[in-house]
């Protein structure tokens, strides 16, 4: 019996190792599938109506973010429940699109620090400036030199909740799994723990003057 055990033991270990490799490969493949699926979802989201609504709120609020938030809720509650969800999806696409190391560098120069929450709120602020400023900043974050105000904090956390608040008003119920934020998470539009990796190349503080020279000069002269 002992001899049989000694003969079979190596075979058992080989089979066990193959099984683990197979499971690891399956996990890898599933991880890649999820990432590709998420990217496909982001790439197919339409933002035209989203930017029209944002543009209207920018114009009417005249730089007051509290008023801008109320205008957005007021405009969104006029839409169908599906359209409110689409607004949330478009918002999340923009948050993901703006997750780039140069955008993070711009925030570091402007605010003097970067944290997970503040970086998210900064991107909300950027979206809340409207389509032109958003798109030009994504092309070249030094563009923000013409936009930022040294006496202000550039955050707009309220933008994260306007679709939820409008959906509550429109549906007449409290937030549940059918609400925009939950639906967005189900299709991979996550800007938190499940977010895609930050795009671009990471930087050090010593590199900031050369990375964004105009913006750096504005805040350090």
C-alpha atoms as a PDB file:
ATOM      1  CA  UNK A   1       0.000   0.000   0.000  1.00  0.00           C
ATOM      2  CA  UNK A   2       2.806   2.402   0.899  1.00  0.00           C
ATOM      3  CA  UNK A   3       4.512   1.735  -2.430  1.00  0.00           C
ATOM      4  CA  UNK A   4       1.288   2.419  -4.347  1.00  0.00           C
ATOM      5  CA  UNK A   5       0.871   5.691  -2.409  1.00  0.00           C
ATOM      6  CA  UNK A   6       4.440   6.752  -3.260  1.00  0.00           C
ATOM      7  CA  UNK A   7       3.828   6.000  -6.922  1.00  0.00           C
ATOM      8  CA  UNK A   8       0.475   7.807  -7.110  1.00  0.00           C
ATOM      9  CA  UNK A   9       1.462  10.839  -5.022  1.00  0.00           C
ATOM     10  CA  UNK A  10       3.585  12.569  -7.719  1.00  0.00           C
ATOM     11  CA  UNK A  11       0.804  12.008 -10.254  1.00  0.00           C
ATOM     12  CA  UNK A  12      -1.723  13.557  -7.862  1.00  0.00           C
ATOM     13  CA  UNK A  13       0.510  16.596  -7.343  1.00  0.00           C
ATOM     14  CA  UNK A  14       0.925  17.062 -11.084  1.00  0.00           C
ATOM     15  CA  UNK A  15      -2.845  16.904 -11.632  1.00  0.00           C
ATOM     16  CA  UNK A  16      -3.432  19.353  -8.762  1.00  0.00           C
ATOM     17  CA  UNK A  17      -0.903  21.774 -10.242  1.00  0.00           C
ATOM     18  CA  UNK A  18      -2.571  21.587 -13.657  1.00  0.00           C
ATOM     19  CA  UNK A  19      -5.959  22.268 -12.079  1.00  0.00           C
ATOM     20  CA  UNK A  20      -4.635  25.365 -10.298  1.00  0.00           C
ATOM     21  CA  UNK A  21      -3.065  26.642 -13.525  1.00  0.00           C
ATOM     22  CA  UNK A  22      -6.361  26.101 -15.326  1.00  0.00           C
ATOM     23  CA  UNK A  23      -8.266  28.019 -12.627  1.00  0.00           C
ATOM     24  CA  UNK A  24      -5.704  30.842 -12.732  1.00  0.00           C
ATOM     25  CA  UNK A  25      -6.032  31.069 -16.506  1.00  0.00           C
ATOM     26  CA  UNK A  26      -9.828  31.167 -16.228  1.00  0.00           C
ATOM     27  CA  UNK A  27      -9.574  33.979 -13.694  1.00  0.00           C
ATOM     28  CA  UNK A  28      -7.233  35.900 -15.991  1.00  0.00           C
ATOM     29  CA  UNK A  29      -9.538  35.443 -18.936  1.00  0.00           C
ATOM     30  CA  UNK A  30     -12.557  36.571 -16.912  1.00  0.00           C
ATOM     31  CA  UNK A  31     -10.650  39.642 -15.713  1.00  0.00           C
ATOM     32  CA  UNK A  32      -9.766  40.541 -19.293  1.00  0.00           C
ATOM     33  CA  UNK A  33     -13.351  39.985 -20.404  1.00  0.00           C
ATOM     34  CA  UNK A  34     -14.694  42.326 -17.724  1.00  0.00           C
ATOM     35  CA  UNK A  35     -12.180  45.012 -18.678  1.00  0.00           C
ATOM     36  CA  UNK A  36     -13.004  44.765 -22.381  1.00  0.00           C
ATOM     37  CA  UNK A  37     -16.729  44.776 -21.661  1.00  0.00           C
ATOM     38  CA  UNK A  38     -16.366  47.912 -19.530  1.00  0.00           C
ATOM     39  CA  UNK A  39     -14.359  49.692 -22.237  1.00  0.00           C
ATOM     40  CA  UNK A  40     -16.941  48.800 -24.874  1.00  0.00           C
ATOM     41  CA  UNK A  41     -19.703  50.200 -22.677  1.00  0.00           C
ATOM     42  CA  UNK A  42     -17.820  53.463 -22.157  1.00  0.00           C
ATOM     43  CA  UNK A  43     -17.019  53.858 -25.845  1.00  0.00           C
ATOM     44  CA  UNK A  44     -20.645  53.447 -26.950  1.00  0.00           C
ATOM     45  CA  UNK A  45     -22.242  55.931 -24.544  1.00  0.00           C
ATOM     46  CA  UNK A  46     -23.717  59.028 -26.193  1.00  0.00           C
ATOM     47  CA  UNK A  47     -23.044  62.365 -24.477  1.00  0.00           C
ATOM     48  CA  UNK A  48     -24.701  64.932 -26.792  1.00  0.00           C
ATOM     49  CA  UNK A  49     -27.827  65.402 -24.668  1.00  0.00           C
ATOM     50  CA  UNK A  50     -25.738  65.297 -21.493  1.00  0.00           C
ATOM     51  CA  UNK A  51     -23.631  68.230 -22.665  1.00  0.00           C
ATOM     52  CA  UNK A  52     -26.708  70.169 -23.758  1.00  0.00           C
ATOM     53  CA  UNK A  53     -28.134  69.900 -20.241  1.00  0.00           C
ATOM     54  CA  UNK A  54     -24.792  70.761 -18.633  1.00  0.00           C
ATOM     55  CA  UNK A  55     -24.364  73.726 -20.982  1.00  0.00           C
ATOM     56  CA  UNK A  56     -27.776  75.100 -20.061  1.00  0.00           C
ATOM     57  CA  UNK A  57     -26.986  74.821 -16.344  1.00  0.00           C
ATOM     58  CA  UNK A  58     -23.604  76.516 -16.824  1.00  0.00           C
ATOM     59  CA  UNK A  59     -25.210  79.436 -18.629  1.00  0.00           C
ATOM     60  CA  UNK A  60     -28.065  79.912 -16.170  1.00  0.00           C
ATOM     61  CA  UNK A  61     -26.067  79.439 -12.952  1.00  0.00           C
ATOM     62  CA  UNK A  62     -23.386  82.038 -13.803  1.00  0.00           C
ATOM     63  CA  UNK A  63     -20.663  80.263 -11.844  1.00  0.00           C
ATOM     64  CA  UNK A  64     -22.759  79.361  -8.788  1.00  0.00           C
ATOM     65  CA  UNK A  65     -22.403  75.585  -8.326  1.00  0.00           C
ATOM     66  CA  UNK A  66     -25.250  75.326  -5.789  1.00  0.00           C
ATOM     67  CA  UNK A  67     -27.580  76.947  -8.302  1.00  0.00           C
ATOM     68  CA  UNK A  68     -26.110  74.804 -11.078  1.00  0.00           C
ATOM     69  CA  UNK A  69     -26.962  71.667  -9.103  1.00  0.00           C
ATOM     70  CA  UNK A  70     -30.565  72.791  -8.624  1.00  0.00           C
ATOM     71  CA  UNK A  71     -30.932  73.682 -12.307  1.00  0.00           C
ATOM     72  CA  UNK A  72     -29.634  70.252 -13.319  1.00  0.00           C
ATOM     73  CA  UNK A  73     -32.111  68.492 -11.037  1.00  0.00           C
ATOM     74  CA  UNK A  74     -34.922  70.671 -12.357  1.00  0.00           C
ATOM     75  CA  UNK A  75     -34.015  69.874 -15.971  1.00  0.00           C
ATOM     76  CA  UNK A  76     -33.504  66.160 -15.347  1.00  0.00           C
ATOM     77  CA  UNK A  77     -36.827  65.613 -13.621  1.00  0.00           C
ATOM     78  CA  UNK A  78     -38.530  66.749 -16.854  1.00  0.00           C
ATOM     79  CA  UNK A  79     -37.030  63.725 -18.628  1.00  0.00           C
ATOM     80  CA  UNK A  80     -38.096  60.082 -18.640  1.00  0.00           C
ATOM     81  CA  UNK A  81     -36.578  57.650 -16.149  1.00  0.00           C
ATOM     82  CA  UNK A  82     -34.547  56.082 -18.970  1.00  0.00           C
ATOM     83  CA  UNK A  83     -33.168  59.482 -19.991  1.00  0.00           C
ATOM     84  CA  UNK A  84     -32.177  60.251 -16.401  1.00  0.00           C
ATOM     85  CA  UNK A  85     -30.259  56.977 -16.311  1.00  0.00           C
ATOM     86  CA  UNK A  86     -28.587  57.886 -19.596  1.00  0.00           C
ATOM     87  CA  UNK A  87     -27.463  61.175 -18.045  1.00  0.00           C
ATOM     88  CA  UNK A  88     -25.802  59.226 -15.217  1.00  0.00           C
ATOM     89  CA  UNK A  89     -24.140  56.893 -17.709  1.00  0.00           C
ATOM     90  CA  UNK A  90     -22.810  59.852 -19.715  1.00  0.00           C
ATOM     91  CA  UNK A  91     -21.565  61.515 -16.534  1.00  0.00           C
ATOM     92  CA  UNK A  92     -19.638  58.394 -15.593  1.00  0.00           C
ATOM     93  CA  UNK A  93     -18.139  58.139 -19.053  1.00  0.00           C
ATOM     94  CA  UNK A  94     -16.802  61.665 -18.633  1.00  0.00           C
ATOM     95  CA  UNK A  95     -15.412  60.872 -15.172  1.00  0.00           C
ATOM     96  CA  UNK A  96     -13.608  57.837 -16.595  1.00  0.00           C
ATOM     97  CA  UNK A  97     -12.407  59.752 -19.673  1.00  0.00           C
ATOM     98  CA  UNK A  98     -10.926  62.448 -17.417  1.00  0.00           C
ATOM     99  CA  UNK A  99      -9.029  59.989 -15.239  1.00  0.00           C
ATOM    100  CA  UNK A 100      -5.569  60.810 -16.593  1.00  0.00           C
ATOM    101  CA  UNK A 101      -2.307  61.495 -14.793  1.00  0.00           C
ATOM    102  CA  UNK A 102      -1.968  64.944 -16.404  1.00  0.00           C
ATOM    103  CA  UNK A 103      -5.415  65.901 -15.091  1.00  0.00           C
ATOM    104  CA  UNK A 104      -4.269  64.733 -11.678  1.00  0.00           C
ATOM    105  CA  UNK A 105      -1.110  66.834 -12.075  1.00  0.00           C
ATOM    106  CA  UNK A 106      -3.240  69.876 -12.899  1.00  0.00           C
ATOM    107  CA  UNK A 107      -5.213  69.368  -9.721  1.00  0.00           C
ATOM    108  CA  UNK A 108      -1.999  69.040  -7.710  1.00  0.00           C
ATOM    109  CA  UNK A 109      -0.808  72.401  -9.028  1.00  0.00           C
ATOM    110  CA  UNK A 110      -4.175  74.110  -8.553  1.00  0.00           C
ATOM    111  CA  UNK A 111      -5.198  72.762  -5.156  1.00  0.00           C
ATOM    112  CA  UNK A 112      -1.792  71.823  -3.761  1.00  0.00           C
ATOM    113  CA  UNK A 113      -2.768  68.225  -2.975  1.00  0.00           C
ATOM    114  CA  UNK A 114      -4.542  65.193  -4.405  1.00  0.00           C
ATOM    115  CA  UNK A 115      -6.646  62.581  -2.591  1.00  0.00           C
ATOM    116  CA  UNK A 116      -9.047  59.950  -3.954  1.00  0.00           C
ATOM    117  CA  UNK A 117     -12.173  61.932  -3.088  1.00  0.00           C
ATOM    118  CA  UNK A 118     -10.844  65.372  -4.020  1.00  0.00           C
ATOM    119  CA  UNK A 119      -9.593  64.064  -7.379  1.00  0.00           C
ATOM    120  CA  UNK A 120     -13.081  62.724  -8.099  1.00  0.00           C
ATOM    121  CA  UNK A 121     -14.714  66.024  -7.097  1.00  0.00           C
ATOM    122  CA  UNK A 122     -12.174  67.927  -9.210  1.00  0.00           C
ATOM    123  CA  UNK A 123     -13.176  65.947 -12.284  1.00  0.00           C
ATOM    124  CA  UNK A 124     -16.826  66.683 -11.428  1.00  0.00           C
ATOM    125  CA  UNK A 125     -15.932  70.363 -11.372  1.00  0.00           C
ATOM    126  CA  UNK A 126     -14.214  70.035 -14.737  1.00  0.00           C
ATOM    127  CA  UNK A 127     -17.289  68.379 -16.261  1.00  0.00           C
ATOM    128  CA  UNK A 128     -19.443  71.071 -14.682  1.00  0.00           C
ATOM    129  CA  UNK A 129     -17.617  73.760 -16.682  1.00  0.00           C
ATOM    130  CA  UNK A 130     -19.191  72.519 -19.896  1.00  0.00           C
ATOM    131  CA  UNK A 131     -18.191  70.620 -23.027  1.00  0.00           C
ATOM    132  CA  UNK A 132     -15.619  73.016 -24.479  1.00  0.00           C
ATOM    133  CA  UNK A 133     -13.561  73.452 -21.319  1.00  0.00           C
ATOM    134  CA  UNK A 134     -13.767  69.723 -20.592  1.00  0.00           C
ATOM    135  CA  UNK A 135     -12.614  68.645 -24.036  1.00  0.00           C
ATOM    136  CA  UNK A 136      -9.886  71.263 -24.358  1.00  0.00           C
ATOM    137  CA  UNK A 137      -8.537  70.321 -20.928  1.00  0.00           C
ATOM    138  CA  UNK A 138      -8.396  66.651 -21.865  1.00  0.00           C
ATOM    139  CA  UNK A 139      -6.346  67.614 -24.946  1.00  0.00           C
ATOM    140  CA  UNK A 140      -3.994  69.789 -22.897  1.00  0.00           C
ATOM    141  CA  UNK A 141      -4.543  70.374 -19.134  1.00  0.00           C
ATOM    142  CA  UNK A 142      -2.445  73.558 -19.369  1.00  0.00           C
ATOM    143  CA  UNK A 143      -5.630  75.005 -20.908  1.00  0.00           C
ATOM    144  CA  UNK A 144      -6.953  75.354 -17.336  1.00  0.00           C
ATOM    145  CA  UNK A 145      -4.626  78.340 -16.901  1.00  0.00           C
ATOM    146  CA  UNK A 146      -7.368  80.354 -18.614  1.00  0.00           C
ATOM    147  CA  UNK A 147     -10.160  78.909 -16.474  1.00  0.00           C
ATOM    148  CA  UNK A 148      -9.158  78.433 -12.839  1.00  0.00           C
ATOM    149  CA  UNK A 149      -9.475  81.030 -10.098  1.00  0.00           C
ATOM    150  CA  UNK A 150      -6.780  81.066  -7.425  1.00  0.00           C
ATOM    151  CA  UNK A 151      -9.306  82.166  -4.806  1.00  0.00           C
ATOM    152  CA  UNK A 152     -11.652  79.202  -5.314  1.00  0.00           C
ATOM    153  CA  UNK A 153     -11.753  75.488  -4.531  1.00  0.00           C
ATOM    154  CA  UNK A 154     -12.357  73.588  -7.742  1.00  0.00           C
ATOM    155  CA  UNK A 155     -14.714  70.817  -6.661  1.00  0.00           C
ATOM    156  CA  UNK A 156     -18.314  69.996  -7.594  1.00  0.00           C
ATOM    157  CA  UNK A 157     -19.332  66.938  -5.577  1.00  0.00           C
ATOM    158  CA  UNK A 158     -23.008  67.749  -6.080  1.00  0.00           C
ATOM    159  CA  UNK A 159     -22.835  66.676  -9.719  1.00  0.00           C
ATOM    160  CA  UNK A 160     -22.538  63.079  -8.534  1.00  0.00           C
ATOM    161  CA  UNK A 161     -26.049  63.113  -7.046  1.00  0.00           C
ATOM    162  CA  UNK A 162     -28.227  65.117  -9.439  1.00  0.00           C
ATOM    163  CA  UNK A 163     -29.436  62.082 -11.403  1.00  0.00           C
ATOM    164  CA  UNK A 164     -30.327  60.230  -8.198  1.00  0.00           C
ATOM    165  CA  UNK A 165     -32.269  63.192  -6.807  1.00  0.00           C
ATOM    166  CA  UNK A 166     -34.116  63.733 -10.088  1.00  0.00           C
ATOM    167  CA  UNK A 167     -34.901  60.019 -10.310  1.00  0.00           C
ATOM    168  CA  UNK A 168     -36.336  60.056  -6.777  1.00  0.00           C
ATOM    169  CA  UNK A 169     -38.606  62.969  -7.680  1.00  0.00           C
ATOM    170  CA  UNK A 170     -39.662  61.435 -11.003  1.00  0.00           C
ATOM    171  CA  UNK A 171     -40.244  57.896  -9.710  1.00  0.00           C
ATOM    172  CA  UNK A 172     -41.672  58.888  -6.331  1.00  0.00           C
ATOM    173  CA  UNK A 173     -39.583  56.338  -4.459  1.00  0.00           C
ATOM    174  CA  UNK A 174     -36.358  56.086  -2.493  1.00  0.00           C
ATOM    175  CA  UNK A 175     -33.133  54.861  -4.079  1.00  0.00           C
ATOM    176  CA  UNK A 176     -32.972  51.135  -4.764  1.00  0.00           C
ATOM    177  CA  UNK A 177     -31.238  48.769  -7.199  1.00  0.00           C
ATOM    178  CA  UNK A 178     -33.156  50.226 -10.151  1.00  0.00           C
ATOM    179  CA  UNK A 179     -31.711  53.737  -9.703  1.00  0.00           C
ATOM    180  CA  UNK A 180     -29.133  55.277 -12.073  1.00  0.00           C
ATOM    181  CA  UNK A 181     -26.055  54.780  -9.880  1.00  0.00           C
ATOM    182  CA  UNK A 182     -26.788  51.105  -9.320  1.00  0.00           C
ATOM    183  CA  UNK A 183     -27.637  50.499 -12.969  1.00  0.00           C
ATOM    184  CA  UNK A 184     -24.378  52.174 -13.997  1.00  0.00           C
ATOM    185  CA  UNK A 185     -22.394  49.910 -11.687  1.00  0.00           C
ATOM    186  CA  UNK A 186     -24.034  46.822 -13.159  1.00  0.00           C
ATOM    187  CA  UNK A 187     -22.745  47.606 -16.655  1.00  0.00           C
ATOM    188  CA  UNK A 188     -19.209  48.380 -15.527  1.00  0.00           C
ATOM    189  CA  UNK A 189     -19.353  52.184 -15.282  1.00  0.00           C
ATOM    190  CA  UNK A 190     -17.499  52.376 -11.994  1.00  0.00           C
ATOM    191  CA  UNK A 191     -15.347  55.339 -10.950  1.00  0.00           C
ATOM    192  CA  UNK A 192     -14.475  53.906  -7.551  1.00  0.00           C
ATOM    193  CA  UNK A 193     -12.892  50.566  -6.640  1.00  0.00           C
ATOM    194  CA  UNK A 194     -13.735  48.965  -9.979  1.00  0.00           C
ATOM    195  CA  UNK A 195     -12.597  51.897 -12.116  1.00  0.00           C
ATOM    196  CA  UNK A 196     -10.296  51.359 -15.108  1.00  0.00           C
ATOM    197  CA  UNK A 197      -6.621  52.256 -14.513  1.00  0.00           C
ATOM    198  CA  UNK A 198      -5.641  55.922 -14.673  1.00  0.00           C
ATOM    199  CA  UNK A 199      -4.430  56.720 -18.182  1.00  0.00           C
ATOM    200  CA  UNK A 200      -1.065  58.164 -19.129  1.00  0.00           C
ATOM    201  CA  UNK A 201       2.248  58.309 -17.282  1.00  0.00           C
ATOM    202  CA  UNK A 202       2.624  59.004 -13.571  1.00  0.00           C
ATOM    203  CA  UNK A 203       4.725  61.990 -12.482  1.00  0.00           C
ATOM    204  CA  UNK A 204       6.739  63.335  -9.572  1.00  0.00           C
ATOM    205  CA  UNK A 205       6.400  66.833  -8.112  1.00  0.00           C
ATOM    206  CA  UNK A 206       9.769  67.792  -9.589  1.00  0.00           C
ATOM    207  CA  UNK A 207       8.341  67.171 -13.064  1.00  0.00           C
ATOM    208  CA  UNK A 208       5.320  69.476 -12.682  1.00  0.00           C
ATOM    209  CA  UNK A 209       7.004  72.705 -13.932  1.00  0.00           C
ATOM    210  CA  UNK A 210       7.859  71.063 -17.251  1.00  0.00           C
ATOM    211  CA  UNK A 211       4.712  68.947 -17.442  1.00  0.00           C
ATOM    212  CA  UNK A 212       2.262  71.875 -17.247  1.00  0.00           C
ATOM    213  CA  UNK A 213       4.419  75.017 -17.500  1.00  0.00           C
ATOM    214  CA  UNK A 214       1.683  77.644 -17.915  1.00  0.00           C
ATOM    215  CA  UNK A 215      -0.447  76.344 -15.078  1.00  0.00           C
ATOM    216  CA  UNK A 216       2.567  75.853 -12.827  1.00  0.00           C
ATOM    217  CA  UNK A 217       3.738  79.400 -13.518  1.00  0.00           C
ATOM    218  CA  UNK A 218       0.319  80.831 -12.651  1.00  0.00           C
ATOM    219  CA  UNK A 219       0.392  79.257  -9.198  1.00  0.00           C
ATOM    220  CA  UNK A 220       4.082  79.619  -8.395  1.00  0.00           C
ATOM    221  CA  UNK A 221       5.166  83.066  -9.625  1.00  0.00           C
END
